[in-house]
Amino acid sequence: SISRDNAKNTVYLQMNSLKLEDTAVY
């Protein structure tokens, strides 16, 4: 799930149920 908080000038990526194939540089 991607979200943004403009007040904090920040974007997030919540990653759940991670799998081996999710391994990467983000």
PDB file of all heavy atoms in Angstrom:
ATOM      1  N   SER A   1       0.833  -1.189   0.000  1.00  0.00           N
ATOM      2  CA  SER A   1       0.000   0.000   0.000  1.00  0.00           C
ATOM      3  C   SER A   1       0.876   1.250   0.000  1.00  0.00           C
ATOM      4  O   SER A   1       1.740   1.397   0.856  1.00  0.00           O
ATOM      5  CB  SER A   1      -0.929   0.008   1.221  1.00  0.00           C
ATOM      6  OG  SER A   1      -1.735   1.167   1.242  1.00  0.00           O
ATOM      7  N   ILE A   2       0.650   2.119  -0.970  1.00  0.00           N
ATOM      8  CA  ILE A   2       1.396   3.370  -1.056  1.00  0.00           C
ATOM      9  C   ILE A   2       0.528   4.498  -0.509  1.00  0.00           C
ATOM     10  O   ILE A   2      -0.685   4.526  -0.721  1.00  0.00           O
ATOM     11  CB  ILE A   2       1.836   3.661  -2.503  1.00  0.00           C
ATOM     12  CG1 ILE A   2       2.755   4.887  -2.556  1.00  0.00           C
ATOM     13  CG2 ILE A   2       0.643   3.834  -3.430  1.00  0.00           C
ATOM     14  CD1 ILE A   2       3.385   5.113  -3.927  1.00  0.00           C
ATOM     15  N   SER A   3       1.148   5.404   0.195  1.00  0.00           N
ATOM     16  CA  SER A   3       0.437   6.550   0.746  1.00  0.00           C
ATOM     17  C   SER A   3       1.377   7.743   0.804  1.00  0.00           C
ATOM     18  O   SER A   3       2.593   7.596   0.671  1.00  0.00           O
ATOM     19  CB  SER A   3      -0.136   6.236   2.131  1.00  0.00           C
ATOM     20  OG  SER A   3       0.903   5.943   3.051  1.00  0.00           O
ATOM     21  N   ARG A   4       0.810   8.920   0.982  1.00  0.00           N
ATOM     22  CA  ARG A   4       1.632  10.117   1.077  1.00  0.00           C
ATOM     23  C   ARG A   4       1.125  11.011   2.187  1.00  0.00           C
ATOM     24  O   ARG A   4      -0.073  11.083   2.461  1.00  0.00           O
ATOM     25  CB  ARG A   4       1.665  10.867  -0.261  1.00  0.00           C
ATOM     26  CG  ARG A   4       0.321  11.394  -0.741  1.00  0.00           C
ATOM     27  CD  ARG A   4       0.376  11.812  -2.204  1.00  0.00           C
ATOM     28  NE  ARG A   4       1.305  12.909  -2.440  1.00  0.00           N
ATOM     29  CZ  ARG A   4       1.751  13.269  -3.631  1.00  0.00           C
ATOM     30  NH1 ARG A   4       1.370  12.592  -4.717  1.00  0.00           N
ATOM     31  NH2 ARG A   4       2.586  14.287  -3.753  1.00  0.00           N
ATOM     32  N   ASP A   5       2.047  11.684   2.825  1.00  0.00           N
ATOM     33  CA  ASP A   5       1.743  12.650   3.859  1.00  0.00           C
ATOM     34  C   ASP A   5       2.387  13.957   3.428  1.00  0.00           C
ATOM     35  O   ASP A   5       3.585  14.173   3.644  1.00  0.00           O
ATOM     36  CB  ASP A   5       2.269  12.198   5.219  1.00  0.00           C
ATOM     37  CG  ASP A   5       1.822  13.094   6.351  1.00  0.00           C
ATOM     38  OD1 ASP A   5       1.492  14.272   6.100  1.00  0.00           O
ATOM     39  OD2 ASP A   5       1.799  12.634   7.503  1.00  0.00           O
ATOM     40  N   ASN A   6       1.610  14.802   2.800  1.00  0.00           N
ATOM     41  CA  ASN A   6       2.156  16.040   2.261  1.00  0.00           C
ATOM     42  C   ASN A   6       2.693  16.967   3.347  1.00  0.00           C
ATOM     43  O   ASN A   6       3.646  17.710   3.115  1.00  0.00           O
ATOM     44  CB  ASN A   6       1.096  16.766   1.434  1.00  0.00           C
ATOM     45  CG  ASN A   6       0.759  16.046   0.150  1.00  0.00           C
ATOM     46  OD1 ASN A   6       1.521  15.200  -0.316  1.00  0.00           O
ATOM     47  ND2 ASN A   6      -0.384  16.368  -0.432  1.00  0.00           N
ATOM     48  N   ALA A   7       2.084  16.924   4.523  1.00  0.00           N
ATOM     49  CA  ALA A   7       2.549  17.764   5.618  1.00  0.00           C
ATOM     50  C   ALA A   7       3.961  17.392   6.049  1.00  0.00           C
ATOM     51  O   ALA A   7       4.720  18.245   6.517  1.00  0.00           O
ATOM     52  CB  ALA A   7       1.593  17.668   6.801  1.00  0.00           C
ATOM     53  N   LYS A   8       4.311  16.125   5.903  1.00  0.00           N
ATOM     54  CA  LYS A   8       5.640  15.651   6.260  1.00  0.00           C
ATOM     55  C   LYS A   8       6.549  15.487   5.054  1.00  0.00           C
ATOM     56  O   LYS A   8       7.695  15.056   5.196  1.00  0.00           O
ATOM     57  CB  LYS A   8       5.546  14.318   7.002  1.00  0.00           C
ATOM     58  CG  LYS A   8       4.824  14.396   8.329  1.00  0.00           C
ATOM     59  CD  LYS A   8       4.799  13.046   9.014  1.00  0.00           C
ATOM     60  CE  LYS A   8       4.111  13.129  10.357  1.00  0.00           C
ATOM     61  NZ  LYS A   8       4.072  11.801  11.045  1.00  0.00           N
ATOM     62  N   ASN A   9       6.035  15.823   3.874  1.00  0.00           N
ATOM     63  CA  ASN A   9       6.792  15.665   2.632  1.00  0.00           C
ATOM     64  C   ASN A   9       7.353  14.254   2.497  1.00  0.00           C
ATOM     65  O   ASN A   9       8.521  14.057   2.141  1.00  0.00           O
ATOM     66  CB  ASN A   9       7.923  16.698   2.555  1.00  0.00           C
ATOM     67  CG  ASN A   9       7.411  18.116   2.503  1.00  0.00           C
ATOM     68  OD1 ASN A   9       6.358  18.388   1.926  1.00  0.00           O
ATOM     69  ND2 ASN A   9       8.163  19.034   3.096  1.00  0.00           N
ATOM     70  N   THR A  10       6.499  13.288   2.762  1.00  0.00           N
ATOM     71  CA  THR A  10       6.935  11.902   2.822  1.00  0.00           C
ATOM     72  C   THR A  10       5.937  10.986   2.123  1.00  0.00           C
ATOM     73  O   THR A  10       4.727  11.175   2.232  1.00  0.00           O
ATOM     74  CB  THR A  10       7.113  11.448   4.279  1.00  0.00           C
ATOM     75  OG1 THR A  10       8.077  12.289   4.923  1.00  0.00           O
ATOM     76  CG2 THR A  10       7.593  10.008   4.349  1.00  0.00           C
ATOM     77  N   VAL A  11       6.470  10.005   1.426  1.00  0.00           N
ATOM     78  CA  VAL A  11       5.656   8.954   0.835  1.00  0.00           C
ATOM     79  C   VAL A  11       6.065   7.632   1.471  1.00  0.00           C
ATOM     80  O   VAL A  11       7.234   7.430   1.811  1.00  0.00           O
ATOM     81  CB  VAL A  11       5.799   8.919  -0.700  1.00  0.00           C
ATOM     82  CG1 VAL A  11       7.226   8.591  -1.108  1.00  0.00           C
ATOM     83  CG2 VAL A  11       4.814   7.930  -1.308  1.00  0.00           C
ATOM     84  N   TYR A  12       5.099   6.737   1.637  1.00  0.00           N
ATOM     85  CA  TYR A  12       5.336   5.477   2.306  1.00  0.00           C
ATOM     86  C   TYR A  12       4.969   4.303   1.410  1.00  0.00           C
ATOM     87  O   TYR A  12       4.149   4.421   0.509  1.00  0.00           O
ATOM     88  CB  TYR A  12       4.504   5.373   3.588  1.00  0.00           C
ATOM     89  CG  TYR A  12       4.723   6.491   4.568  1.00  0.00           C
ATOM     90  CD1 TYR A  12       3.886   7.605   4.564  1.00  0.00           C
ATOM     91  CD2 TYR A  12       5.754   6.446   5.494  1.00  0.00           C
ATOM     92  CE1 TYR A  12       4.075   8.640   5.463  1.00  0.00           C
ATOM     93  CE2 TYR A  12       5.951   7.477   6.395  1.00  0.00           C
ATOM     94  CZ  TYR A  12       5.112   8.569   6.376  1.00  0.00           C
ATOM     95  OH  TYR A  12       5.309   9.590   7.272  1.00  0.00           O
ATOM     96  N   LEU A  13       5.576   3.185   1.693  1.00  0.00           N
ATOM     97  CA  LEU A  13       5.175   1.931   1.072  1.00  0.00           C
ATOM     98  C   LEU A  13       5.072   0.883   2.173  1.00  0.00           C
ATOM     99  O   LEU A  13       6.089   0.442   2.709  1.00  0.00           O
ATOM    100  CB  LEU A  13       6.174   1.476   0.007  1.00  0.00           C
ATOM    101  CG  LEU A  13       5.770   0.211  -0.751  1.00  0.00           C
ATOM    102  CD1 LEU A  13       4.544   0.479  -1.624  1.00  0.00           C
ATOM    103  CD2 LEU A  13       6.928  -0.306  -1.606  1.00  0.00           C
ATOM    104  N   GLN A  14       3.848   0.522   2.516  1.00  0.00           N
ATOM    105  CA  GLN A  14       3.617  -0.534   3.488  1.00  0.00           C
ATOM    106  C   GLN A  14       3.639  -1.864   2.759  1.00  0.00           C
ATOM    107  O   GLN A  14       2.879  -2.068   1.816  1.00  0.00           O
ATOM    108  CB  GLN A  14       2.272  -0.334   4.188  1.00  0.00           C
ATOM    109  CG  GLN A  14       1.932  -1.414   5.206  1.00  0.00           C
ATOM    110  CD  GLN A  14       2.866  -1.422   6.391  1.00  0.00           C
ATOM    111  OE1 GLN A  14       3.153  -0.374   6.961  1.00  0.00           O
ATOM    112  NE2 GLN A  14       3.357  -2.597   6.760  1.00  0.00           N
ATOM    113  N   MET A  15       4.496  -2.752   3.200  1.00  0.00           N
ATOM    114  CA  MET A  15       4.707  -4.028   2.539  1.00  0.00           C
ATOM    115  C   MET A  15       4.346  -5.149   3.507  1.00  0.00           C
ATOM    116  O   MET A  15       5.005  -5.329   4.527  1.00  0.00           O
ATOM    117  CB  MET A  15       6.161  -4.166   2.087  1.00  0.00           C
ATOM    118  CG  MET A  15       6.674  -2.967   1.291  1.00  0.00           C
ATOM    119  SD  MET A  15       8.478  -2.942   1.122  1.00  0.00           S
ATOM    120  CE  MET A  15       8.736  -4.418   0.157  1.00  0.00           C
ATOM    121  N   ASN A  16       3.303  -5.889   3.177  1.00  0.00           N
ATOM    122  CA  ASN A  16       2.846  -6.994   3.997  1.00  0.00           C
ATOM    123  C   ASN A  16       2.958  -8.305   3.230  1.00  0.00           C
ATOM    124  O   ASN A  16       3.061  -8.320   2.009  1.00  0.00           O
ATOM    125  CB  ASN A  16       1.392  -6.785   4.432  1.00  0.00           C
ATOM    126  CG  ASN A  16       1.189  -5.531   5.242  1.00  0.00           C
ATOM    127  OD1 ASN A  16       2.030  -5.157   6.055  1.00  0.00           O
ATOM    128  ND2 ASN A  16       0.047  -4.876   5.039  1.00  0.00           N
ATOM    129  N   SER A  17       2.907  -9.392   3.973  1.00  0.00           N
ATOM    130  CA  SER A  17       2.969 -10.730   3.373  1.00  0.00           C
ATOM    131  C   SER A  17       4.110 -10.842   2.378  1.00  0.00           C
ATOM    132  O   SER A  17       3.939 -11.302   1.247  1.00  0.00           O
ATOM    133  CB  SER A  17       1.632 -11.057   2.696  1.00  0.00           C
ATOM    134  OG  SER A  17       0.565 -11.001   3.610  1.00  0.00           O
ATOM    135  N   LEU A  18       5.274 -10.436   2.807  1.00  0.00           N
ATOM    136  CA  LEU A  18       6.422 -10.384   1.913  1.00  0.00           C
ATOM    137  C   LEU A  18       6.837 -11.769   1.437  1.00  0.00           C
ATOM    138  O   LEU A  18       6.766 -12.750   2.179  1.00  0.00           O
ATOM    139  CB  LEU A  18       7.586  -9.691   2.600  1.00  0.00           C
ATOM    140  CG  LEU A  18       7.450  -8.169   2.675  1.00  0.00           C
ATOM    141  CD1 LEU A  18       8.375  -7.589   3.733  1.00  0.00           C
ATOM    142  CD2 LEU A  18       7.746  -7.542   1.318  1.00  0.00           C
ATOM    143  N   LYS A  19       7.266 -11.804   0.191  1.00  0.00           N
ATOM    144  CA  LYS A  19       7.697 -13.029  -0.456  1.00  0.00           C
ATOM    145  C   LYS A  19       9.171 -12.928  -0.838  1.00  0.00           C
ATOM    146  O   LYS A  19       9.726 -11.837  -0.920  1.00  0.00           O
ATOM    147  CB  LYS A  19       6.859 -13.295  -1.712  1.00  0.00           C
ATOM    148  CG  LYS A  19       5.367 -13.374  -1.470  1.00  0.00           C
ATOM    149  CD  LYS A  19       4.612 -13.531  -2.778  1.00  0.00           C
ATOM    150  CE  LYS A  19       3.119 -13.622  -2.554  1.00  0.00           C
ATOM    151  NZ  LYS A  19       2.379 -13.767  -3.842  1.00  0.00           N
ATOM    152  N   LEU A  20       9.778 -14.068  -1.096  1.00  0.00           N
ATOM    153  CA  LEU A  20      11.181 -14.091  -1.482  1.00  0.00           C
ATOM    154  C   LEU A  20      11.434 -13.216  -2.708  1.00  0.00           C
ATOM    155  O   LEU A  20      12.461 -12.538  -2.791  1.00  0.00           O
ATOM    156  CB  LEU A  20      11.641 -15.515  -1.760  1.00  0.00           C
ATOM    157  CG  LEU A  20      11.627 -16.489  -0.580  1.00  0.00           C
ATOM    158  CD1 LEU A  20      12.077 -17.865  -1.046  1.00  0.00           C
ATOM    159  CD2 LEU A  20      12.517 -15.988   0.546  1.00  0.00           C
ATOM    160  N   GLU A  21      10.501 -13.225  -3.651  1.00  0.00           N
ATOM    161  CA  GLU A  21      10.680 -12.470  -4.878  1.00  0.00           C
ATOM    162  C   GLU A  21      10.545 -10.963  -4.701  1.00  0.00           C
ATOM    163  O   GLU A  21      10.758 -10.205  -5.646  1.00  0.00           O
ATOM    164  CB  GLU A  21       9.706 -12.955  -5.961  1.00  0.00           C
ATOM    165  CG  GLU A  21       8.249 -12.919  -5.539  1.00  0.00           C
ATOM    166  CD  GLU A  21       7.746 -14.266  -5.048  1.00  0.00           C
ATOM    167  OE1 GLU A  21       8.504 -14.964  -4.349  1.00  0.00           O
ATOM    168  OE2 GLU A  21       6.591 -14.621  -5.377  1.00  0.00           O
ATOM    169  N   ASP A  22      10.187 -10.520  -3.497  1.00  0.00           N
ATOM    170  CA  ASP A  22      10.143  -9.095  -3.216  1.00  0.00           C
ATOM    171  C   ASP A  22      11.523  -8.530  -2.890  1.00  0.00           C
ATOM    172  O   ASP A  22      11.675  -7.312  -2.754  1.00  0.00           O
ATOM    173  CB  ASP A  22       9.194  -8.805  -2.052  1.00  0.00           C
ATOM    174  CG  ASP A  22       7.744  -9.119  -2.373  1.00  0.00           C
ATOM    175  OD1 ASP A  22       7.308  -8.834  -3.515  1.00  0.00           O
ATOM    176  OD2 ASP A  22       7.041  -9.645  -1.487  1.00  0.00           O
ATOM    177  N   THR A  23      12.499  -9.393  -2.746  1.00  0.00           N
ATOM    178  CA  THR A  23      13.851  -8.946  -2.456  1.00  0.00           C
ATOM    179  C   THR A  23      14.368  -8.047  -3.571  1.00  0.00           C
ATOM    180  O   THR A  23      14.385  -8.440  -4.741  1.00  0.00           O
ATOM    181  CB  THR A  23      14.791 -10.138  -2.282  1.00  0.00           C
ATOM    182  OG1 THR A  23      14.396 -10.889  -1.134  1.00  0.00           O
ATOM    183  CG2 THR A  23      16.229  -9.682  -2.102  1.00  0.00           C
ATOM    184  N   ALA A  24      14.782  -6.849  -3.218  1.00  0.00           N
ATOM    185  CA  ALA A  24      15.242  -5.879  -4.204  1.00  0.00           C
ATOM    186  C   ALA A  24      15.689  -4.613  -3.487  1.00  0.00           C
ATOM    187  O   ALA A  24      15.429  -4.430  -2.298  1.00  0.00           O
ATOM    188  CB  ALA A  24      14.131  -5.534  -5.197  1.00  0.00           C
ATOM    189  N   VAL A  25      16.348  -3.752  -4.235  1.00  0.00           N
ATOM    190  CA  VAL A  25      16.568  -2.391  -3.784  1.00  0.00           C
ATOM    191  C   VAL A  25      15.353  -1.582  -4.198  1.00  0.00           C
ATOM    192  O   VAL A  25      14.968  -1.594  -5.366  1.00  0.00           O
ATOM    193  CB  VAL A  25      17.846  -1.778  -4.380  1.00  0.00           C
ATOM    194  CG1 VAL A  25      17.992  -0.325  -3.954  1.00  0.00           C
ATOM    195  CG2 VAL A  25      19.065  -2.581  -3.949  1.00  0.00           C
ATOM    196  N   TYR A  26      14.762  -0.899  -3.251  1.00  0.00           N
ATOM    197  CA  TYR A  26      13.560  -0.118  -3.505  1.00  0.00           C
ATOM    198  C   TYR A  26      13.913   1.358  -3.599  1.00  0.00           C
ATOM    199  O   TYR A  26      14.617   1.900  -2.746  1.00  0.00           O
ATOM    200  CB  TYR A  26      12.525  -0.349  -2.402  1.00  0.00           C
ATOM    201  CG  TYR A  26      11.827  -1.679  -2.528  1.00  0.00           C
ATOM    202  CD1 TYR A  26      12.495  -2.864  -2.247  1.00  0.00           C
ATOM    203  CD2 TYR A  26      10.497  -1.753  -2.942  1.00  0.00           C
ATOM    204  CE1 TYR A  26      11.867  -4.089  -2.387  1.00  0.00           C
ATOM    205  CE2 TYR A  26       9.860  -2.969  -3.077  1.00  0.00           C
ATOM    206  CZ  TYR A  26      10.552  -4.136  -2.800  1.00  0.00           C
ATOM    207  OH  TYR A  26       9.914  -5.349  -2.936  1.00  0.00           O
TER     208      TYR A  26
END
